[in-house]
Amino acid sequence: MPKAIVEATFRFEDSGFVPYHIPICKDIRARLNAHYGSARWQERLTRYLFGGHAVGQGRPEELGGGLRRSPYGYVTREPIDHLEEPALKAPKMDGYRWPDPEHLADWDSLAAQYQAAEGAFRLCGMAYGLFERGMKMRGMENLLMDMIEHPRFVHDLFDGYLELRLKLIDMIIDRIPVEGVFDGGDDCDQRGPIMGLARWREFVKPRLKAVIDHVHAKGFPVVAHMCGNVRPLVEDLLEMRLDALESLQPEAMDIYELRRVTEGKMVLIGGMGAQSTLPFGSPEDVRRETLKLVNEMGRGGGYVVGPAKPLMEDVPTENAVAFIETVLLQEERMAEPAV
C-alpha cells in the first residue's frame, strides 16, 4: 500500500525504489492527455502523498472589481492575490479579532475527500505560515520595519496567529483522517531568510517549534513546505525535530549537500528544478537529473522525488513526459516478477 511505503520512507527505510509526488497544473495535464491519447495515463501514477494547506483561508467577501476581503480583514486583488489594503493600518492589535476557526474550512467536504484517499499518506495543514500571514496583515515592507521598530507588536501578532494555528491543527486532527500535518511557510527568497537569520530565529523559530512540539504530542509528524534557500535554517529545523522538508529548490541551494546534512534525520521531498531543468533542459537533461535524484537523494530511504513546484505551463510536454516516465520506470521495475 502506498501509505506503508511512505511510512517506511519516514523511518528512513529503503523500500527498493523511491516514492514520488508529482503535482501537475491544469494546462500540462491537458497536454499530457493529448500526448498519451487520453487521460488513462494518470492511472499509472500511484498516489503516495495526498493533501496540502487546505484550511485557514475561509470564504472571502466579494467587493467587486476583482477585490476580495479576507476573513482576516485584508483586501486583495484577484487573480494574483495582490495585497491592496492590509488588515492592520498601524502596528497595533487594539480591538483586532481573529477569525472563527470554524469558518476557515469546509470541514465536512475535506473529511470526505481525505477519507476517499485512505490508501495514501495524507497531509493537511493551514494555509500561510507566520511570516506570510503577517505580510497580509501589515504589508511586507511594514512588517519588516515592524520587526525593527515595533518588535513587541510583531510578537503579539505572531502569538495571536499561532494560537489560531494550533486550534486549527487540533480541528484537523480531530475531524480529518490524516497521517501528518502540513505546515511551514515561505520565509525565504532564493538568497535566504527574507527578514535575516537573526530575526527569523527571534520571530518565527520559537513559534514553528511550538507547532512541531504540539503536533508531535498528538502523535503525528510535521511536513514543512518552505520555498527558496532554506539552507541557513536547516540546523535549526533539525534542532526542532522537523520530520520532513518539502520543496527543495535546487536553483537556490545545493540539495545534494542538504541531503548529506539531513540523512537519517529529516525526510526530503521534491528537488527537481522547476526554474531550470524542467522548463529549459532537454528531455535527456530531465531524465539524467531525475535518475540522479532517485539514485543519490533516494539512497537508503528518507526521500520522496518530485518537482520543486508543480509541473507548470512553461514545462514542455516532452520534458514532463521524460520526468514522469523516468520516475515510473523505477517503480514498474520494482513490480516486475523475479525471474
Protein backbone atom coordinates (compact mmCIF):
# COMPACT_ATOMS: atom_id res chain seq x y z
CA MET A 1 0.00 0.00 0.00
CA PRO A 2 1.38 3.48 -0.86
CA LYS A 3 0.80 4.71 2.70
CA ALA A 4 3.00 1.94 4.10
CA ILE A 5 5.79 2.79 1.66
CA VAL A 6 5.77 6.46 2.71
CA GLU A 7 5.70 5.43 6.37
CA ALA A 8 8.79 3.31 5.72
CA THR A 9 10.38 6.30 3.98
CA PHE A 10 9.72 8.38 7.11
CA ARG A 11 11.53 5.68 9.10
CA PHE A 12 14.48 6.02 6.68
CA GLU A 13 14.00 2.51 5.39
CA ASP A 14 14.86 1.57 1.80
CA SER A 15 11.80 0.12 0.03
CA GLY A 16 13.78 -0.76 -3.08
CA PHE A 17 12.56 2.27 -5.01
CA VAL A 18 11.78 5.91 -4.33
CA PRO A 19 8.15 7.04 -3.87
CA TYR A 20 7.09 10.13 -5.75
CA HIS A 21 4.76 13.11 -5.58
CA ILE A 22 4.03 14.87 -8.89
CA PRO A 23 1.58 17.78 -8.71
CA ILE A 24 0.59 18.86 -12.23
CA CYS A 25 -1.04 22.12 -13.36
CA LYS A 26 -4.18 22.06 -15.49
CA ASP A 27 -2.52 23.16 -18.75
CA ILE A 28 0.19 20.50 -18.51
CA ARG A 29 -2.36 17.81 -17.65
CA ALA A 30 -4.37 18.68 -20.77
CA ARG A 31 -1.25 18.50 -22.95
CA LEU A 32 -0.28 15.18 -21.41
CA ASN A 33 -3.76 13.82 -22.14
CA ALA A 34 -3.26 14.81 -25.77
CA HIS A 35 0.24 13.27 -25.85
CA TYR A 36 -0.94 9.94 -24.44
CA GLY A 37 -4.20 9.93 -26.40
CA SER A 38 -6.46 10.01 -23.34
CA ALA A 39 -6.40 10.65 -19.60
CA ARG A 40 -5.79 6.99 -18.83
CA TRP A 41 -2.04 7.54 -18.38
CA GLN A 42 -2.92 9.02 -14.99
CA GLU A 43 -3.98 5.56 -13.82
CA ARG A 44 -0.30 4.58 -13.87
CA LEU A 45 0.51 7.19 -11.21
CA THR A 46 0.44 5.95 -7.63
CA ARG A 47 -0.84 8.46 -5.09
CA TYR A 48 1.78 8.25 -2.35
CA LEU A 49 1.05 11.67 -0.80
CA PHE A 50 -2.30 13.42 -0.68
CA GLY A 51 -3.44 16.82 0.54
CA GLY A 52 -1.94 20.19 1.34
CA HIS A 53 -2.60 23.51 3.05
CA ALA A 54 -6.35 23.03 2.87
CA VAL A 55 -7.63 25.05 5.84
CA GLY A 56 -7.24 28.57 7.15
CA GLN A 57 -8.33 30.77 4.25
CA GLY A 58 -12.08 30.76 4.64
CA ARG A 59 -14.63 32.28 2.27
CA PRO A 60 -13.75 35.88 1.25
CA GLU A 61 -16.24 38.69 0.81
CA GLU A 62 -16.51 39.70 -2.86
CA LEU A 63 -16.22 43.51 -3.13
CA GLY A 64 -16.42 43.79 -6.93
CA GLY A 65 -13.78 44.81 -9.46
CA GLY A 66 -11.64 41.79 -8.60
CA LEU A 67 -11.34 42.85 -4.95
CA ARG A 68 -11.93 40.47 -2.06
CA ARG A 69 -11.90 40.95 1.68
CA SER A 70 -10.39 38.04 3.56
CA PRO A 71 -11.92 36.80 6.83
CA TYR A 72 -8.71 38.22 8.35
CA GLY A 73 -9.71 41.71 7.25
CA TYR A 74 -7.24 42.49 4.45
CA VAL A 75 -8.24 43.19 0.85
CA THR A 76 -6.60 41.53 -2.16
CA ARG A 77 -6.97 41.92 -5.90
CA GLU A 78 -7.52 38.76 -7.89
CA PRO A 79 -6.43 36.73 -9.73
CA ILE A 80 -2.92 37.35 -8.39
CA ASP A 81 -3.77 37.75 -4.69
CA HIS A 82 -2.13 41.20 -4.66
CA LEU A 83 -2.48 42.96 -1.31
CA GLU A 84 -4.49 46.17 -1.78
CA GLU A 85 -5.27 47.01 1.84
CA PRO A 86 -3.69 45.44 4.94
CA ALA A 87 -5.85 44.41 7.88
CA LEU A 88 -3.83 46.46 10.35
CA LYS A 89 -3.05 50.02 9.28
CA ALA A 90 -0.79 50.63 12.29
CA PRO A 91 1.46 48.34 14.37
CA LYS A 92 -1.25 47.75 16.98
CA MET A 93 -3.52 44.81 17.77
CA ASP A 94 -6.04 47.04 19.57
CA GLY A 95 -9.52 45.64 19.04
CA TYR A 96 -8.49 43.13 16.35
CA ARG A 97 -10.35 39.81 16.45
CA TRP A 98 -9.02 36.73 14.67
CA PRO A 99 -11.50 34.78 12.51
CA ASP A 100 -13.53 31.96 13.98
CA PRO A 101 -11.66 28.75 13.07
CA GLU A 102 -15.00 27.03 12.48
CA HIS A 103 -15.43 29.23 9.39
CA LEU A 104 -11.94 28.73 7.95
CA ALA A 105 -12.60 25.44 6.16
CA ASP A 106 -15.38 23.33 4.69
CA TRP A 107 -14.78 20.63 7.27
CA ASP A 108 -17.32 18.06 6.08
CA SER A 109 -16.15 18.27 2.47
CA LEU A 110 -12.49 17.95 3.49
CA ALA A 111 -13.23 14.95 5.68
CA ALA A 112 -14.93 13.20 2.74
CA GLN A 113 -12.06 13.99 0.35
CA TYR A 114 -9.46 12.70 2.78
CA GLN A 115 -11.46 9.59 3.59
CA ALA A 116 -11.58 8.76 -0.12
CA ALA A 117 -7.76 8.94 -0.25
CA GLU A 118 -7.22 6.45 2.58
CA GLY A 119 -4.58 4.48 0.66
CA ALA A 120 -2.21 7.46 0.55
CA PHE A 121 -0.13 9.21 3.22
CA ARG A 122 -2.49 12.13 3.88
CA LEU A 123 -1.29 15.58 4.93
CA CYS A 124 -3.39 18.58 5.87
CA GLY A 125 -2.41 21.95 7.24
CA MET A 126 -3.12 25.64 7.45
CA ALA A 127 -2.53 27.96 4.50
CA TYR A 128 0.12 30.66 5.02
CA GLY A 129 2.90 30.50 7.56
CA LEU A 130 3.55 33.13 10.22
CA PHE A 131 5.55 35.49 8.01
CA GLU A 132 3.21 35.09 5.03
CA ARG A 133 0.09 35.85 7.08
CA GLY A 134 1.92 38.71 8.76
CA MET A 135 2.68 40.19 5.34
CA LYS A 136 -1.03 40.16 4.50
CA MET A 137 -1.93 41.68 7.85
CA ARG A 138 0.55 44.57 7.57
CA GLY A 139 2.16 44.50 4.10
CA MET A 140 5.68 43.19 3.57
CA GLU A 141 7.56 46.47 3.93
CA ASN A 142 5.62 47.44 7.05
CA LEU A 143 6.12 44.04 8.65
CA LEU A 144 9.88 44.09 8.02
CA MET A 145 10.10 47.56 9.51
CA ASP A 146 7.92 46.49 12.44
CA MET A 147 10.45 43.77 13.25
CA ILE A 148 12.99 46.55 13.82
CA GLU A 149 10.89 49.39 15.18
CA HIS A 150 7.96 47.59 16.85
CA PRO A 151 9.15 44.08 17.78
CA ARG A 152 6.63 43.75 20.64
CA PHE A 153 3.80 44.24 18.16
CA VAL A 154 5.21 41.53 15.86
CA HIS A 155 5.46 39.12 18.79
CA ASP A 156 1.83 39.86 19.69
CA LEU A 157 0.71 39.46 16.06
CA PHE A 158 2.52 36.14 15.64
CA ASP A 159 1.34 34.87 19.04
CA GLY A 160 -2.27 35.52 18.06
CA TYR A 161 -1.81 33.73 14.76
CA LEU A 162 -0.02 30.85 16.49
CA GLU A 163 -2.97 30.42 18.86
CA LEU A 164 -5.34 30.25 15.87
CA ARG A 165 -2.98 27.88 14.07
CA LEU A 166 -2.88 25.44 16.98
CA LYS A 167 -6.68 25.46 17.23
CA LEU A 168 -6.94 24.65 13.52
CA ILE A 169 -4.36 21.87 13.81
CA ASP A 170 -6.39 20.29 16.61
CA MET A 171 -9.52 20.54 14.45
CA ILE A 172 -7.69 18.91 11.52
CA ILE A 173 -6.56 16.00 13.68
CA ASP A 174 -9.99 15.61 15.27
CA ARG A 175 -12.08 15.90 12.09
CA ILE A 176 -9.97 14.83 9.11
CA PRO A 177 -8.24 11.44 8.67
CA VAL A 178 -4.54 12.31 8.27
CA GLU A 179 -1.15 10.68 8.70
CA GLY A 180 0.65 14.00 9.22
CA VAL A 181 0.32 17.77 9.47
CA PHE A 182 1.47 20.04 6.62
CA ASP A 183 2.97 23.25 7.97
CA GLY A 184 5.91 25.56 7.22
CA GLY A 185 5.87 28.87 5.42
CA ASP A 186 7.64 30.78 2.67
CA ASP A 187 10.10 32.68 4.87
CA CYS A 188 12.97 32.62 2.34
CA ASP A 189 13.72 34.01 -1.07
CA GLN A 190 16.45 32.45 -3.18
CA ARG A 191 19.17 34.09 -1.10
CA GLY A 192 17.99 33.05 2.34
CA PRO A 193 15.52 34.16 5.03
CA ILE A 194 13.83 37.38 3.90
CA MET A 195 13.96 39.02 7.33
CA GLY A 196 17.50 37.72 8.02
CA LEU A 197 18.50 34.71 10.05
CA ALA A 198 18.64 36.52 13.41
CA ARG A 199 15.10 37.86 13.08
CA TRP A 200 13.83 34.54 11.76
CA ARG A 201 15.17 32.97 14.93
CA GLU A 202 13.58 35.68 17.05
CA PHE A 203 10.11 35.82 15.50
CA VAL A 204 9.45 32.60 13.56
CA LYS A 205 11.55 29.82 15.04
CA PRO A 206 10.02 29.63 18.54
CA ARG A 207 6.51 29.53 17.11
CA LEU A 208 7.34 26.95 14.45
CA LYS A 209 8.88 24.87 17.24
CA ALA A 210 5.65 25.27 19.22
CA VAL A 211 3.71 23.87 16.24
CA ILE A 212 6.10 20.94 15.84
CA ASP A 213 6.02 20.13 19.56
CA HIS A 214 2.21 20.40 19.62
CA VAL A 215 1.80 18.03 16.65
CA HIS A 216 4.37 15.58 18.00
CA ALA A 217 2.50 15.48 21.30
CA LYS A 218 -0.55 14.37 19.30
CA GLY A 219 1.49 11.55 17.75
CA PHE A 220 1.84 12.93 14.21
CA PRO A 221 4.80 14.03 12.05
CA VAL A 222 5.16 17.52 10.58
CA VAL A 223 6.00 18.19 6.94
CA ALA A 224 7.08 21.79 6.34
CA HIS A 225 6.71 23.46 2.96
CA MET A 226 9.47 26.06 2.61
CA CYS A 227 10.48 27.62 -0.71
CA GLY A 228 13.74 29.34 -1.60
CA ASN A 229 17.14 28.92 0.01
CA VAL A 230 16.31 27.31 3.35
CA ARG A 231 19.84 26.01 3.88
CA PRO A 232 20.60 28.67 6.57
CA LEU A 233 17.65 27.31 8.59
CA VAL A 234 18.42 23.61 8.38
CA GLU A 235 20.39 23.22 11.60
CA ASP A 236 17.54 24.99 13.42
CA LEU A 237 14.95 22.74 11.75
CA LEU A 238 16.91 19.66 12.78
CA GLU A 239 17.15 21.00 16.32
CA MET A 240 13.35 21.42 16.34
CA ARG A 241 12.97 17.80 15.15
CA LEU A 242 11.12 18.70 11.96
CA ASP A 243 10.15 15.41 10.32
CA ALA A 244 10.19 16.40 6.65
CA LEU A 245 11.09 19.38 4.46
CA GLU A 246 9.28 19.91 1.17
CA SER A 247 10.02 21.90 -1.99
CA LEU A 248 13.85 21.74 -2.25
CA GLN A 249 14.56 24.32 -4.93
CA PRO A 250 17.90 23.31 -6.50
CA GLU A 251 18.30 26.75 -8.08
CA ALA A 252 18.55 28.25 -4.58
CA MET A 253 20.77 25.72 -2.79
CA ASP A 254 22.80 22.53 -3.14
CA ILE A 255 20.16 19.92 -2.39
CA TYR A 256 22.70 17.07 -2.50
CA GLU A 257 24.73 18.76 0.24
CA LEU A 258 21.44 19.24 2.11
CA ARG A 259 20.81 15.52 1.81
CA ARG A 260 24.19 14.73 3.36
CA VAL A 261 23.45 17.03 6.31
CA THR A 262 19.94 15.70 6.94
CA GLU A 263 20.41 12.00 6.09
CA GLY A 264 18.68 9.81 8.64
CA LYS A 265 17.33 12.87 10.48
CA MET A 266 14.84 14.62 8.21
CA VAL A 267 12.88 13.39 5.18
CA LEU A 268 13.25 15.45 2.00
CA ILE A 269 10.51 15.88 -0.62
CA GLY A 270 10.87 17.45 -4.09
CA GLY A 271 14.13 18.60 -5.68
CA MET A 272 13.58 18.61 -9.45
CA GLY A 273 14.28 22.10 -10.75
CA ALA A 274 11.06 23.88 -11.74
CA GLN A 275 13.00 27.01 -12.77
CA SER A 276 15.82 25.26 -14.61
CA THR A 277 15.85 21.65 -15.79
CA LEU A 278 12.12 21.11 -16.26
CA PRO A 279 11.34 24.25 -18.32
CA PHE A 280 14.70 24.83 -20.01
CA GLY A 281 16.54 21.50 -20.18
CA SER A 282 16.25 18.85 -22.86
CA PRO A 283 14.32 15.61 -22.25
CA GLU A 284 17.69 13.90 -21.79
CA ASP A 285 18.66 16.52 -19.18
CA VAL A 286 15.40 15.77 -17.36
CA ARG A 287 15.98 12.01 -17.45
CA ARG A 288 19.57 12.41 -16.26
CA GLU A 289 18.68 14.68 -13.33
CA THR A 290 15.70 12.52 -12.34
CA LEU A 291 17.90 9.44 -12.17
CA LYS A 292 20.47 11.35 -10.13
CA LEU A 293 17.77 12.40 -7.67
CA VAL A 294 16.48 8.85 -7.37
CA ASN A 295 19.92 7.26 -7.02
CA GLU A 296 21.64 9.83 -4.80
CA MET A 297 18.88 11.54 -2.82
CA GLY A 298 16.85 8.34 -2.50
CA ARG A 299 19.61 6.01 -1.41
CA GLY A 300 18.72 4.45 1.94
CA GLY A 301 15.22 5.92 2.24
CA GLY A 302 14.13 9.29 3.59
CA TYR A 303 13.32 10.87 0.21
CA VAL A 304 10.24 11.42 -1.98
CA VAL A 305 11.10 12.52 -5.51
CA GLY A 306 9.10 15.26 -7.19
CA PRO A 307 9.28 18.70 -8.78
CA ALA A 308 10.19 21.61 -6.51
CA LYS A 309 6.99 23.22 -7.77
CA PRO A 310 4.06 21.65 -9.68
CA LEU A 311 4.69 20.90 -13.34
CA MET A 312 3.68 24.32 -14.68
CA GLU A 313 2.72 25.85 -18.01
CA ASP A 314 6.31 26.65 -19.02
CA VAL A 315 7.36 22.98 -18.94
CA PRO A 316 7.48 21.50 -22.46
CA THR A 317 5.29 18.43 -22.89
CA GLU A 318 8.27 16.26 -23.80
CA ASN A 319 10.06 17.27 -20.59
CA ALA A 320 7.01 16.48 -18.47
CA VAL A 321 6.81 13.08 -20.18
CA ALA A 322 10.51 12.43 -19.61
CA PHE A 323 10.18 13.18 -15.90
CA ILE A 324 7.04 11.12 -15.37
CA GLU A 325 8.26 8.13 -17.37
CA THR A 326 11.67 8.08 -15.65
CA VAL A 327 10.04 8.18 -12.22
CA LEU A 328 7.55 5.48 -13.18
CA LEU A 329 10.20 3.22 -14.67
CA GLN A 330 11.93 2.57 -11.35
CA GLU A 331 8.55 1.83 -9.74
CA GLU A 332 7.48 -0.51 -12.55
CA ARG A 333 10.77 -2.38 -12.44
CA MET A 334 10.20 -2.96 -8.75
CA ALA A 335 6.80 -4.50 -9.54
CA GLU A 336 8.19 -6.93 -12.15
CA PRO A 337 8.16 -10.58 -11.00
CA ALA A 338 11.53 -12.12 -10.24
CA VAL A 339 12.79 -14.47 -12.92
